[in-house]
Amino acid sequence: MANFTETVEVDGKEYQFELLDLKDALDVESKVAALVAQVMGKGEKDHSLLYSIGKKVCKNLCEDGFEVKDIDAHFRGKALLFNKVMIQGVKANFPDFFTMIESGGDSAIMEAVKKSGLASVA
């Protein structure tokens, strides 16, 4: 049977993500592309995107083996930690996208968005 979880370490704690099903993955993928477009100065600023992405990828999140039942309460006063964990959750769900981005620079980011099929968003 396939493993539908990914475990990563962030700031000395172990986080286990349940990988997204197809519907949620497609929803998050479009939001990531919109966020990339914002960063590149090609889209309207929407600060709710980070939270929306994080809420999806942190669904059924465990920290050091314990379920995080409420991300709002768990990450209260720890927005930077939330961002770090959320980014790892996105990386766990879209490893190929991040491999392309890590290959270098702004052009790599835009190329990754184009190859993801979401160029119309950017």
PDB file of N, CA and C in Angstrom:
ATOM      1  N   MET A   1       0.847  -1.185   0.000  1.00  0.00           N
ATOM      2  CA  MET A   1       0.000   0.000   0.000  1.00  0.00           C
ATOM      3  C   MET A   1       0.885   1.238   0.000  1.00  0.00           C
ATOM      4  N   ALA A   2       0.441   2.259  -0.693  1.00  0.00           N
ATOM      5  CA  ALA A   2       1.197   3.495  -0.804  1.00  0.00           C
ATOM      6  C   ALA A   2       1.197   4.254   0.527  1.00  0.00           C
ATOM      7  N   ASN A   3       2.278   5.007   0.741  1.00  0.00           N
ATOM      8  CA  ASN A   3       2.378   5.846   1.921  1.00  0.00           C
ATOM      9  C   ASN A   3       1.813   7.220   1.571  1.00  0.00           C
ATOM     10  N   PHE A   4       0.774   7.633   2.251  1.00  0.00           N
ATOM     11  CA  PHE A   4       0.130   8.899   1.965  1.00  0.00           C
ATOM     12  C   PHE A   4       0.475   9.966   2.994  1.00  0.00           C
ATOM     13  N   THR A   5       1.633   9.823   3.628  1.00  0.00           N
ATOM     14  CA  THR A   5       2.089  10.826   4.579  1.00  0.00           C
ATOM     15  C   THR A   5       3.527  11.204   4.260  1.00  0.00           C
ATOM     16  N   GLU A   6       3.920  12.354   4.740  1.00  0.00           N
ATOM     17  CA  GLU A   6       5.292  12.842   4.589  1.00  0.00           C
ATOM     18  C   GLU A   6       5.686  13.454   5.922  1.00  0.00           C
ATOM     19  N   THR A   7       6.865  13.121   6.403  1.00  0.00           N
ATOM     20  CA  THR A   7       7.343  13.637   7.675  1.00  0.00           C
ATOM     21  C   THR A   7       8.562  14.514   7.432  1.00  0.00           C
ATOM     22  N   VAL A   8       8.561  15.699   8.047  1.00  0.00           N
ATOM     23  CA  VAL A   8       9.666  16.645   7.914  1.00  0.00           C
ATOM     24  C   VAL A   8       9.993  17.217   9.288  1.00  0.00           C
ATOM     25  N   GLU A   9      11.188  17.780   9.410  1.00  0.00           N
ATOM     26  CA  GLU A   9      11.576  18.438  10.650  1.00  0.00           C
ATOM     27  C   GLU A   9      11.625  19.938  10.417  1.00  0.00           C
ATOM     28  N   VAL A  10      11.012  20.676  11.328  1.00  0.00           N
ATOM     29  CA  VAL A  10      11.034  22.139  11.279  1.00  0.00           C
ATOM     30  C   VAL A  10      11.337  22.634  12.694  1.00  0.00           C
ATOM     31  N   ASP A  11      12.394  23.402  12.832  1.00  0.00           N
ATOM     32  CA  ASP A  11      12.788  23.988  14.120  1.00  0.00           C
ATOM     33  C   ASP A  11      12.826  22.956  15.250  1.00  0.00           C
ATOM     34  N   GLY A  12      13.382  21.786  14.958  1.00  0.00           N
ATOM     35  CA  GLY A  12      13.574  20.763  15.974  1.00  0.00           C
ATOM     36  C   GLY A  12      12.346  19.922  16.302  1.00  0.00           C
ATOM     37  N   LYS A  13      11.262  20.138  15.616  1.00  0.00           N
ATOM     38  CA  LYS A  13      10.051  19.339  15.830  1.00  0.00           C
ATOM     39  C   LYS A  13       9.743  18.556  14.563  1.00  0.00           C
ATOM     40  N   GLU A  14       9.135  17.404  14.744  1.00  0.00           N
ATOM     41  CA  GLU A  14       8.788  16.546  13.614  1.00  0.00           C
ATOM     42  C   GLU A  14       7.311  16.757  13.261  1.00  0.00           C
ATOM     43  N   TYR A  15       7.082  17.092  11.992  1.00  0.00           N
ATOM     44  CA  TYR A  15       5.722  17.306  11.500  1.00  0.00           C
ATOM     45  C   TYR A  15       5.388  16.247  10.470  1.00  0.00           C
ATOM     46  N   GLN A  16       4.220  15.653  10.626  1.00  0.00           N
ATOM     47  CA  GLN A  16       3.754  14.652   9.676  1.00  0.00           C
ATOM     48  C   GLN A  16       2.511  15.191   8.985  1.00  0.00           C
ATOM     49  N   PHE A  17       2.603  15.246   7.654  1.00  0.00           N
ATOM     50  CA  PHE A  17       1.504  15.733   6.818  1.00  0.00           C
ATOM     51  C   PHE A  17       0.808  14.559   6.171  1.00  0.00           C
ATOM     52  N   GLU A  18      -0.503  14.640   6.088  1.00  0.00           N
ATOM     53  CA  GLU A  18      -1.263  13.708   5.262  1.00  0.00           C
ATOM     54  C   GLU A  18      -1.317  14.341   3.878  1.00  0.00           C
ATOM     55  N   LEU A  19      -0.822  13.625   2.868  1.00  0.00           N
ATOM     56  CA  LEU A  19      -0.794  14.181   1.527  1.00  0.00           C
ATOM     57  C   LEU A  19      -2.211  14.434   1.024  1.00  0.00           C
ATOM     58  N   LEU A  20      -2.354  15.489   0.236  1.00  0.00           N
ATOM     59  CA  LEU A  20      -3.670  15.919  -0.238  1.00  0.00           C
ATOM     60  C   LEU A  20      -4.270  14.957  -1.250  1.00  0.00           C
ATOM     61  N   ASP A  21      -5.591  14.836  -1.215  1.00  0.00           N
ATOM     62  CA  ASP A  21      -6.259  14.093  -2.282  1.00  0.00           C
ATOM     63  C   ASP A  21      -6.257  14.984  -3.527  1.00  0.00           C
ATOM     64  N   LEU A  22      -6.666  14.440  -4.662  1.00  0.00           N
ATOM     65  CA  LEU A  22      -6.567  15.152  -5.930  1.00  0.00           C
ATOM     66  C   LEU A  22      -7.314  16.483  -5.914  1.00  0.00           C
ATOM     67  N   LYS A  23      -8.542  16.502  -5.414  1.00  0.00           N
ATOM     68  CA  LYS A  23      -9.341  17.736  -5.406  1.00  0.00           C
ATOM     69  C   LYS A  23      -8.639  18.833  -4.622  1.00  0.00           C
ATOM     70  N   ASP A  24      -8.191  18.510  -3.416  1.00  0.00           N
ATOM     71  CA  ASP A  24      -7.507  19.506  -2.592  1.00  0.00           C
ATOM     72  C   ASP A  24      -6.162  19.891  -3.203  1.00  0.00           C
ATOM     73  N   ALA A  25      -5.463  18.926  -3.796  1.00  0.00           N
ATOM     74  CA  ALA A  25      -4.168  19.220  -4.424  1.00  0.00           C
ATOM     75  C   ALA A  25      -4.332  20.216  -5.566  1.00  0.00           C
ATOM     76  N   LEU A  26      -5.361  20.039  -6.386  1.00  0.00           N
ATOM     77  CA  LEU A  26      -5.594  20.964  -7.494  1.00  0.00           C
ATOM     78  C   LEU A  26      -5.962  22.353  -6.980  1.00  0.00           C
ATOM     79  N   ASP A  27      -6.740  22.405  -5.907  1.00  0.00           N
ATOM     80  CA  ASP A  27      -7.110  23.679  -5.301  1.00  0.00           C
ATOM     81  C   ASP A  27      -5.862  24.396  -4.770  1.00  0.00           C
ATOM     82  N   VAL A  28      -5.028  23.677  -4.041  1.00  0.00           N
ATOM     83  CA  VAL A  28      -3.814  24.273  -3.483  1.00  0.00           C
ATOM     84  C   VAL A  28      -2.842  24.659  -4.596  1.00  0.00           C
ATOM     85  N   GLU A  29      -2.732  23.832  -5.619  1.00  0.00           N
ATOM     86  CA  GLU A  29      -1.825  24.135  -6.723  1.00  0.00           C
ATOM     87  C   GLU A  29      -2.184  25.478  -7.373  1.00  0.00           C
ATOM     88  N   SER A  30      -3.457  25.723  -7.578  1.00  0.00           N
ATOM     89  CA  SER A  30      -3.860  26.999  -8.183  1.00  0.00           C
ATOM     90  C   SER A  30      -3.561  28.171  -7.247  1.00  0.00           C
ATOM     91  N   LYS A  31      -3.713  27.960  -5.949  1.00  0.00           N
ATOM     92  CA  LYS A  31      -3.410  29.015  -4.986  1.00  0.00           C
ATOM     93  C   LYS A  31      -1.908  29.281  -4.900  1.00  0.00           C
ATOM     94  N   VAL A  32      -1.105  28.228  -4.995  1.00  0.00           N
ATOM     95  CA  VAL A  32       0.349  28.399  -4.999  1.00  0.00           C
ATOM     96  C   VAL A  32       0.765  29.196  -6.235  1.00  0.00           C
ATOM     97  N   ALA A  33       0.194  28.877  -7.383  1.00  0.00           N
ATOM     98  CA  ALA A  33       0.512  29.609  -8.616  1.00  0.00           C
ATOM     99  C   ALA A  33       0.112  31.081  -8.472  1.00  0.00           C
ATOM    100  N   ALA A  34      -1.049  31.352  -7.871  1.00  0.00           N
ATOM    101  CA  ALA A  34      -1.484  32.732  -7.665  1.00  0.00           C
ATOM    102  C   ALA A  34      -0.543  33.454  -6.704  1.00  0.00           C
ATOM    103  N   LEU A  35      -0.081  32.746  -5.679  1.00  0.00           N
ATOM    104  CA  LEU A  35       0.859  33.329  -4.721  1.00  0.00           C
ATOM    105  C   LEU A  35       2.190  33.643  -5.400  1.00  0.00           C
ATOM    106  N   VAL A  36       2.670  32.729  -6.233  1.00  0.00           N
ATOM    107  CA  VAL A  36       3.914  32.957  -6.982  1.00  0.00           C
ATOM    108  C   VAL A  36       3.742  34.184  -7.874  1.00  0.00           C
ATOM    109  N   ALA A  37       2.603  34.296  -8.522  1.00  0.00           N
ATOM    110  CA  ALA A  37       2.335  35.449  -9.380  1.00  0.00           C
ATOM    111  C   ALA A  37       2.392  36.747  -8.570  1.00  0.00           C
ATOM    112  N   GLN A  38       1.846  36.724  -7.365  1.00  0.00           N
ATOM    113  CA  GLN A  38       1.901  37.911  -6.498  1.00  0.00           C
ATOM    114  C   GLN A  38       3.336  38.277  -6.176  1.00  0.00           C
ATOM    115  N   VAL A  39       4.116  37.273  -5.799  1.00  0.00           N
ATOM    116  CA  VAL A  39       5.518  37.501  -5.450  1.00  0.00           C
ATOM    117  C   VAL A  39       6.276  38.090  -6.635  1.00  0.00           C
ATOM    118  N   MET A  40       5.911  37.662  -7.827  1.00  0.00           N
ATOM    119  CA  MET A  40       6.577  38.142  -9.036  1.00  0.00           C
ATOM    120  C   MET A  40       5.985  39.476  -9.508  1.00  0.00           C
ATOM    121  N   GLY A  41       5.028  40.028  -8.751  1.00  0.00           N
ATOM    122  CA  GLY A  41       4.426  41.300  -9.101  1.00  0.00           C
ATOM    123  C   GLY A  41       3.445  41.224 -10.255  1.00  0.00           C
ATOM    124  N   LYS A  42       2.868  40.044 -10.476  1.00  0.00           N
ATOM    125  CA  LYS A  42       1.984  39.849 -11.623  1.00  0.00           C
ATOM    126  C   LYS A  42       0.533  39.581 -11.210  1.00  0.00           C
ATOM    127  N   GLY A  43       0.208  39.798  -9.976  1.00  0.00           N
ATOM    128  CA  GLY A  43      -1.169  39.520  -9.555  1.00  0.00           C
ATOM    129  C   GLY A  43      -1.593  40.433  -8.421  1.00  0.00           C
ATOM    130  N   GLU A  44      -2.880  40.431  -8.158  1.00  0.00           N
ATOM    131  CA  GLU A  44      -3.436  41.207  -7.047  1.00  0.00           C
ATOM    132  C   GLU A  44      -2.965  40.615  -5.724  1.00  0.00           C
ATOM    133  N   LYS A  45      -2.682  41.467  -4.761  1.00  0.00           N
ATOM    134  CA  LYS A  45      -2.271  40.996  -3.440  1.00  0.00           C
ATOM    135  C   LYS A  45      -3.480  40.402  -2.713  1.00  0.00           C
ATOM    136  N   ASP A  46      -3.331  39.178  -2.240  1.00  0.00           N
ATOM    137  CA  ASP A  46      -4.386  38.506  -1.494  1.00  0.00           C
ATOM    138  C   ASP A  46      -3.719  37.795  -0.322  1.00  0.00           C
ATOM    139  N   HIS A  47      -3.722  38.443   0.827  1.00  0.00           N
ATOM    140  CA  HIS A  47      -3.019  37.911   1.993  1.00  0.00           C
ATOM    141  C   HIS A  47      -3.687  36.669   2.577  1.00  0.00           C
ATOM    142  N   SER A  48      -4.905  36.399   2.160  1.00  0.00           N
ATOM    143  CA  SER A  48      -5.585  35.211   2.667  1.00  0.00           C
ATOM    144  C   SER A  48      -5.081  33.935   1.987  1.00  0.00           C
ATOM    145  N   LEU A  49      -4.313  34.067   0.918  1.00  0.00           N
ATOM    146  CA  LEU A  49      -3.808  32.879   0.210  1.00  0.00           C
ATOM    147  C   LEU A  49      -2.931  32.006   1.105  1.00  0.00           C
ATOM    148  N   LEU A  50      -2.010  32.620   1.845  1.00  0.00           N
ATOM    149  CA  LEU A  50      -1.129  31.837   2.717  1.00  0.00           C
ATOM    150  C   LEU A  50      -1.931  31.011   3.718  1.00  0.00           C
ATOM    151  N   TYR A  51      -2.904  31.658   4.351  1.00  0.00           N
ATOM    152  CA  TYR A  51      -3.723  30.957   5.337  1.00  0.00           C
ATOM    153  C   TYR A  51      -4.523  29.845   4.675  1.00  0.00           C
ATOM    154  N   SER A  52      -5.103  30.137   3.531  1.00  0.00           N
ATOM    155  CA  SER A  52      -5.908  29.152   2.812  1.00  0.00           C
ATOM    156  C   SER A  52      -5.079  27.933   2.407  1.00  0.00           C
ATOM    157  N   ILE A  53      -3.881  28.182   1.900  1.00  0.00           N
ATOM    158  CA  ILE A  53      -2.973  27.090   1.529  1.00  0.00           C
ATOM    159  C   ILE A  53      -2.597  26.295   2.778  1.00  0.00           C
ATOM    160  N   GLY A  54      -2.211  27.010   3.826  1.00  0.00           N
ATOM    161  CA  GLY A  54      -1.799  26.356   5.067  1.00  0.00           C
ATOM    162  C   GLY A  54      -2.898  25.527   5.696  1.00  0.00           C
ATOM    163  N   LYS A  55      -4.111  26.038   5.668  1.00  0.00           N
ATOM    164  CA  LYS A  55      -5.256  25.316   6.247  1.00  0.00           C
ATOM    165  C   LYS A  55      -5.440  23.964   5.551  1.00  0.00           C
ATOM    166  N   LYS A  56      -5.262  23.958   4.229  1.00  0.00           N
ATOM    167  CA  LYS A  56      -5.422  22.694   3.471  1.00  0.00           C
ATOM    168  C   LYS A  56      -4.263  21.739   3.723  1.00  0.00           C
ATOM    169  N   VAL A  57      -3.017  22.231   3.611  1.00  0.00           N
ATOM    170  CA  VAL A  57      -1.884  21.304   3.727  1.00  0.00           C
ATOM    171  C   VAL A  57      -1.649  20.859   5.170  1.00  0.00           C
ATOM    172  N   CYS A  58      -2.177  21.621   6.133  1.00  0.00           N
ATOM    173  CA  CYS A  58      -2.012  21.242   7.538  1.00  0.00           C
ATOM    174  C   CYS A  58      -3.210  20.474   8.093  1.00  0.00           C
ATOM    175  N   LYS A  59      -4.136  20.105   7.209  1.00  0.00           N
ATOM    176  CA  LYS A  59      -5.263  19.264   7.618  1.00  0.00           C
ATOM    177  C   LYS A  59      -4.687  17.923   8.070  1.00  0.00           C
ATOM    178  N   ASN A  60      -5.080  17.461   9.235  1.00  0.00           N
ATOM    179  CA  ASN A  60      -4.590  16.198   9.821  1.00  0.00           C
ATOM    180  C   ASN A  60      -3.087  16.236  10.122  1.00  0.00           C
ATOM    181  N   LEU A  61      -2.555  17.420  10.404  1.00  0.00           N
ATOM    182  CA  LEU A  61      -1.146  17.594  10.748  1.00  0.00           C
ATOM    183  C   LEU A  61      -0.865  17.011  12.138  1.00  0.00           C
ATOM    184  N   CYS A  62       0.298  16.368  12.275  1.00  0.00           N
ATOM    185  CA  CYS A  62       0.771  15.911  13.585  1.00  0.00           C
ATOM    186  C   CYS A  62       2.115  16.579  13.875  1.00  0.00           C
ATOM    187  N   GLU A  63       2.305  16.977  15.129  1.00  0.00           N
ATOM    188  CA  GLU A  63       3.579  17.532  15.580  1.00  0.00           C
ATOM    189  C   GLU A  63       4.120  16.618  16.663  1.00  0.00           C
ATOM    190  N   ASP A  64       5.309  16.086  16.428  1.00  0.00           N
ATOM    191  CA  ASP A  64       5.938  15.144  17.364  1.00  0.00           C
ATOM    192  C   ASP A  64       4.982  14.028  17.784  1.00  0.00           C
ATOM    193  N   GLY A  65       4.200  13.550  16.810  1.00  0.00           N
ATOM    194  CA  GLY A  65       3.318  12.412  17.037  1.00  0.00           C
ATOM    195  C   GLY A  65       1.938  12.752  17.571  1.00  0.00           C
ATOM    196  N   PHE A  66       1.676  14.025  17.837  1.00  0.00           N
ATOM    197  CA  PHE A  66       0.373  14.431  18.368  1.00  0.00           C
ATOM    198  C   PHE A  66      -0.384  15.239  17.322  1.00  0.00           C
ATOM    199  N   GLU A  67      -1.674  14.936  17.178  1.00  0.00           N
ATOM    200  CA  GLU A  67      -2.495  15.635  16.200  1.00  0.00           C
ATOM    201  C   GLU A  67      -2.663  17.108  16.565  1.00  0.00           C
ATOM    202  N   VAL A  68      -2.492  17.965  15.566  1.00  0.00           N
ATOM    203  CA  VAL A  68      -2.760  19.393  15.734  1.00  0.00           C
ATOM    204  C   VAL A  68      -4.232  19.583  15.372  1.00  0.00           C
ATOM    205  N   LYS A  69      -5.054  19.775  16.386  1.00  0.00           N
ATOM    206  CA  LYS A  69      -6.506  19.807  16.162  1.00  0.00           C
ATOM    207  C   LYS A  69      -6.995  21.151  15.643  1.00  0.00           C
ATOM    208  N   ASP A  70      -6.293  22.216  15.980  1.00  0.00           N
ATOM    209  CA  ASP A  70      -6.721  23.566  15.588  1.00  0.00           C
ATOM    210  C   ASP A  70      -5.478  24.369  15.235  1.00  0.00           C
ATOM    211  N   ILE A  71      -5.241  24.583  13.937  1.00  0.00           N
ATOM    212  CA  ILE A  71      -4.012  25.290  13.556  1.00  0.00           C
ATOM    213  C   ILE A  71      -4.022  26.733  14.044  1.00  0.00           C
ATOM    214  N   ASP A  72      -5.190  27.345  14.153  1.00  0.00           N
ATOM    215  CA  ASP A  72      -5.253  28.723  14.645  1.00  0.00           C
ATOM    216  C   ASP A  72      -4.727  28.805  16.077  1.00  0.00           C
ATOM    217  N   ALA A  73      -5.179  27.911  16.931  1.00  0.00           N
ATOM    218  CA  ALA A  73      -4.727  27.905  18.319  1.00  0.00           C
ATOM    219  C   ALA A  73      -3.278  27.436  18.420  1.00  0.00           C
ATOM    220  N   HIS A  74      -2.947  26.404  17.663  1.00  0.00           N
ATOM    221  CA  HIS A  74      -1.604  25.822  17.749  1.00  0.00           C
ATOM    222  C   HIS A  74      -0.515  26.817  17.335  1.00  0.00           C
ATOM    223  N   PHE A  75      -0.789  27.601  16.291  1.00  0.00           N
ATOM    224  CA  PHE A  75       0.219  28.534  15.774  1.00  0.00           C
ATOM    225  C   PHE A  75      -0.025  29.983  16.225  1.00  0.00           C
ATOM    226  N   ARG A  76      -0.887  30.171  17.224  1.00  0.00           N
ATOM    227  CA  ARG A  76      -1.126  31.522  17.753  1.00  0.00           C
ATOM    228  C   ARG A  76       0.194  32.109  18.249  1.00  0.00           C
ATOM    229  N   GLY A  77       0.524  33.282  17.755  1.00  0.00           N
ATOM    230  CA  GLY A  77       1.778  33.931  18.149  1.00  0.00           C
ATOM    231  C   GLY A  77       3.006  33.324  17.495  1.00  0.00           C
ATOM    232  N   LYS A  78       2.795  32.392  16.557  1.00  0.00           N
ATOM    233  CA  LYS A  78       3.908  31.707  15.897  1.00  0.00           C
ATOM    234  C   LYS A  78       3.705  31.708  14.379  1.00  0.00           C
ATOM    235  N   ALA A  79       3.422  32.884  13.822  1.00  0.00           N
ATOM    236  CA  ALA A  79       3.145  32.974  12.387  1.00  0.00           C
ATOM    237  C   ALA A  79       4.342  32.524  11.545  1.00  0.00           C
ATOM    238  N   LEU A  80       5.545  32.865  11.970  1.00  0.00           N
ATOM    239  CA  LEU A  80       6.729  32.447  11.211  1.00  0.00           C
ATOM    240  C   LEU A  80       6.848  30.922  11.191  1.00  0.00           C
ATOM    241  N   LEU A  81       6.600  30.290  12.331  1.00  0.00           N
ATOM    242  CA  LEU A  81       6.629  28.831  12.378  1.00  0.00           C
ATOM    243  C   LEU A  81       5.543  28.252  11.475  1.00  0.00           C
ATOM    244  N   PHE A  82       4.346  28.833  11.510  1.00  0.00           N
ATOM    245  CA  PHE A  82       3.273  28.382  10.630  1.00  0.00           C
ATOM    246  C   PHE A  82       3.719  28.452   9.173  1.00  0.00           C
ATOM    247  N   ASN A  83       4.341  29.572   8.785  1.00  0.00           N
ATOM    248  CA  ASN A  83       4.803  29.715   7.406  1.00  0.00           C
ATOM    249  C   ASN A  83       5.827  28.647   7.041  1.00  0.00           C
ATOM    250  N   LYS A  84       6.758  28.380   7.946  1.00  0.00           N
ATOM    251  CA  LYS A  84       7.774  27.347   7.689  1.00  0.00           C
ATOM    252  C   LYS A  84       7.129  25.970   7.517  1.00  0.00           C
ATOM    253  N   VAL A  85       6.199  25.648   8.402  1.00  0.00           N
ATOM    254  CA  VAL A  85       5.517  24.347   8.350  1.00  0.00           C
ATOM    255  C   VAL A  85       4.665  24.258   7.091  1.00  0.00           C
ATOM    256  N   MET A  86       3.941  25.330   6.778  1.00  0.00           N
ATOM    257  CA  MET A  86       3.091  25.342   5.592  1.00  0.00           C
ATOM    258  C   MET A  86       3.922  25.129   4.330  1.00  0.00           C
ATOM    259  N   ILE A  87       5.063  25.784   4.234  1.00  0.00           N
ATOM    260  CA  ILE A  87       5.932  25.619   3.062  1.00  0.00           C
ATOM    261  C   ILE A  87       6.391  24.175   2.947  1.00  0.00           C
ATOM    262  N   GLN A  88       6.728  23.546   4.061  1.00  0.00           N
ATOM    263  CA  GLN A  88       7.136  22.134   4.024  1.00  0.00           C
ATOM    264  C   GLN A  88       5.978  21.244   3.588  1.00  0.00           C
ATOM    265  N   GLY A  89       4.761  21.597   4.002  1.00  0.00           N
ATOM    266  CA  GLY A  89       3.583  20.841   3.576  1.00  0.00           C
ATOM    267  C   GLY A  89       3.343  20.958   2.085  1.00  0.00           C
ATOM    268  N   VAL A  90       3.558  22.149   1.551  1.00  0.00           N
ATOM    269  CA  VAL A  90       3.409  22.347   0.107  1.00  0.00           C
ATOM    270  C   VAL A  90       4.505  21.574  -0.627  1.00  0.00           C
ATOM    271  N   LYS A  91       5.729  21.642  -0.117  1.00  0.00           N
ATOM    272  CA  LYS A  91       6.837  20.886  -0.738  1.00  0.00           C
ATOM    273  C   LYS A  91       6.554  19.388  -0.729  1.00  0.00           C
ATOM    274  N   ALA A  92       5.969  18.896   0.355  1.00  0.00           N
ATOM    275  CA  ALA A  92       5.658  17.461   0.443  1.00  0.00           C
ATOM    276  C   ALA A  92       4.642  17.052  -0.614  1.00  0.00           C
ATOM    277  N   ASN A  93       3.716  17.947  -0.921  1.00  0.00           N
ATOM    278  CA  ASN A  93       2.662  17.637  -1.870  1.00  0.00           C
ATOM    279  C   ASN A  93       3.038  17.919  -3.322  1.00  0.00           C
ATOM    280  N   PHE A  94       3.997  18.814  -3.538  1.00  0.00           N
ATOM    281  CA  PHE A  94       4.380  19.211  -4.901  1.00  0.00           C
ATOM    282  C   PHE A  94       5.904  19.212  -5.054  1.00  0.00           C
ATOM    283  N   PRO A  95       6.551  18.073  -4.844  1.00  0.00           N
ATOM    284  CA  PRO A  95       8.019  18.054  -4.876  1.00  0.00           C
ATOM    285  C   PRO A  95       8.610  18.439  -6.234  1.00  0.00           C
ATOM    286  N   ASP A  96       7.982  18.055  -7.320  1.00  0.00           N
ATOM    287  CA  ASP A  96       8.522  18.380  -8.643  1.00  0.00           C
ATOM    288  C   ASP A  96       8.504  19.882  -8.894  1.00  0.00           C
ATOM    289  N   PHE A  97       7.471  20.558  -8.448  1.00  0.00           N
ATOM    290  CA  PHE A  97       7.352  22.001  -8.606  1.00  0.00           C
ATOM    291  C   PHE A  97       8.522  22.703  -7.920  1.00  0.00           C
ATOM    292  N   PHE A  98       8.838  22.275  -6.702  1.00  0.00           N
ATOM    293  CA  PHE A  98       9.923  22.912  -5.959  1.00  0.00           C
ATOM    294  C   PHE A  98      11.292  22.534  -6.506  1.00  0.00           C
ATOM    295  N   THR A  99      11.426  21.352  -7.066  1.00  0.00           N
ATOM    296  CA  THR A  99      12.681  20.975  -7.703  1.00  0.00           C
ATOM    297  C   THR A  99      12.973  21.926  -8.859  1.00  0.00           C
ATOM    298  N   MET A 100      11.949  22.253  -9.647  1.00  0.00           N
ATOM    299  CA  MET A 100      12.128  23.194 -10.753  1.00  0.00           C
ATOM    300  C   MET A 100      12.496  24.580 -10.237  1.00  0.00           C
ATOM    301  N   ILE A 101      11.835  25.028  -9.191  1.00  0.00           N
ATOM    302  CA  ILE A 101      12.110  26.354  -8.637  1.00  0.00           C
ATOM    303  C   ILE A 101      13.536  26.426  -8.091  1.00  0.00           C
ATOM    304  N   GLU A 102      13.965  25.378  -7.390  1.00  0.00           N
ATOM    305  CA  GLU A 102      15.291  25.376  -6.790  1.00  0.00           C
ATOM    306  C   GLU A 102      16.407  25.337  -7.827  1.00  0.00           C
ATOM    307  N   SER A 103      16.042  25.086  -9.085  1.00  0.00           N
ATOM    308  CA  SER A 103      17.059  25.052 -10.128  1.00  0.00           C
ATOM    309  C   SER A 103      17.588  26.446 -10.453  1.00  0.00           C
ATOM    310  N   GLY A 104      16.905  27.490  -9.967  1.00  0.00           N
ATOM    311  CA  GLY A 104      17.499  28.810 -10.055  1.00  0.00           C
ATOM    312  C   GLY A 104      16.651  29.955 -10.526  1.00  0.00           C
ATOM    313  N   GLY A 105      16.633  31.021  -9.710  1.00  0.00           N
ATOM    314  CA  GLY A 105      16.163  32.324 -10.103  1.00  0.00           C
ATOM    315  C   GLY A 105      14.699  32.501 -10.452  1.00  0.00           C
ATOM    316  N   ASP A 106      14.388  33.754 -10.773  1.00  0.00           N
ATOM    317  CA  ASP A 106      13.030  34.140 -11.121  1.00  0.00           C
ATOM    318  C   ASP A 106      12.521  33.413 -12.355  1.00  0.00           C
ATOM    319  N   SER A 107      13.394  33.231 -13.330  1.00  0.00           N
ATOM    320  CA  SER A 107      12.946  32.553 -14.552  1.00  0.00           C
ATOM    321  C   SER A 107      12.555  31.113 -14.251  1.00  0.00           C
ATOM    322  N   ALA A 108      13.239  30.475 -13.304  1.00  0.00           N
ATOM    323  CA  ALA A 108      12.890  29.104 -12.918  1.00  0.00           C
ATOM    324  C   ALA A 108      11.522  29.060 -12.257  1.00  0.00           C
ATOM    325  N   ILE A 109      11.207  30.082 -11.467  1.00  0.00           N
ATOM    326  CA  ILE A 109       9.902  30.132 -10.821  1.00  0.00           C
ATOM    327  C   ILE A 109       8.807  30.235 -11.876  1.00  0.00           C
ATOM    328  N   MET A 110       8.988  31.147 -12.816  1.00  0.00           N
ATOM    329  CA  MET A 110       7.972  31.312 -13.852  1.00  0.00           C
ATOM    330  C   MET A 110       7.884  30.074 -14.737  1.00  0.00           C
ATOM    331  N   GLU A 111       9.007  29.448 -15.003  1.00  0.00           N
ATOM    332  CA  GLU A 111       9.001  28.217 -15.803  1.00  0.00           C
ATOM    333  C   GLU A 111       8.247  27.105 -15.061  1.00  0.00           C
ATOM    334  N   ALA A 112       8.434  27.031 -13.753  1.00  0.00           N
ATOM    335  CA  ALA A 112       7.726  26.024 -12.955  1.00  0.00           C
ATOM    336  C   ALA A 112       6.227  26.262 -13.003  1.00  0.00           C
ATOM    337  N   VAL A 113       5.823  27.528 -12.928  1.00  0.00           N
ATOM    338  CA  VAL A 113       4.389  27.845 -13.009  1.00  0.00           C
ATOM    339  C   VAL A 113       3.854  27.444 -14.382  1.00  0.00           C
ATOM    340  N   LYS A 114       4.596  27.750 -15.439  1.00  0.00           N
ATOM    341  CA  LYS A 114       4.153  27.403 -16.780  1.00  0.00           C
ATOM    342  C   LYS A 114       4.030  25.892 -16.936  1.00  0.00           C
ATOM    343  N   LYS A 115       5.035  25.142 -16.470  1.00  0.00           N
ATOM    344  CA  LYS A 115       5.020  23.683 -16.621  1.00  0.00           C
ATOM    345  C   LYS A 115       3.935  23.049 -15.777  1.00  0.00           C
ATOM    346  N   SER A 116       3.506  23.723 -14.720  1.00  0.00           N
ATOM    347  CA  SER A 116       2.454  23.162 -13.868  1.00  0.00           C
ATOM    348  C   SER A 116       1.088  23.246 -14.554  1.00  0.00           C
ATOM    349  N   GLY A 117       1.037  23.959 -15.687  1.00  0.00           N
ATOM    350  CA  GLY A 117      -0.241  24.120 -16.376  1.00  0.00           C
ATOM    351  C   GLY A 117      -1.033  25.306 -15.871  1.00  0.00           C
ATOM    352  N   LEU A 118      -0.410  26.109 -15.035  1.00  0.00           N
ATOM    353  CA  LEU A 118      -1.117  27.230 -14.411  1.00  0.00           C
ATOM    354  C   LEU A 118      -0.601  28.576 -14.884  1.00  0.00           C
ATOM    355  N   ALA A 119       0.006  28.617 -16.046  1.00  0.00           N
ATOM    356  CA  ALA A 119       0.587  29.864 -16.547  1.00  0.00           C
ATOM    357  C   ALA A 119      -0.458  30.965 -16.680  1.00  0.00           C
ATOM    358  N   SER A 120      -1.708  30.611 -16.910  1.00  0.00           N
ATOM    359  CA  SER A 120      -2.752  31.624 -17.066  1.00  0.00           C
ATOM    360  C   SER A 120      -2.964  32.392 -15.772  1.00  0.00           C
ATOM    361  N   VAL A 121      -2.666  31.773 -14.629  1.00  0.00           N
ATOM    362  CA  VAL A 121      -2.799  32.453 -13.353  1.00  0.00           C
ATOM    363  C   VAL A 121      -1.704  33.491 -13.190  1.00  0.00           C
ATOM    364  N   ALA A 122      -0.502  33.125 -13.636  1.00  0.00           N
ATOM    365  CA  ALA A 122       0.648  34.026 -13.494  1.00  0.00           C
ATOM    366  C   ALA A 122       0.637  35.024 -14.620  1.00  0.00           C
TER     367      ALA A 122
END
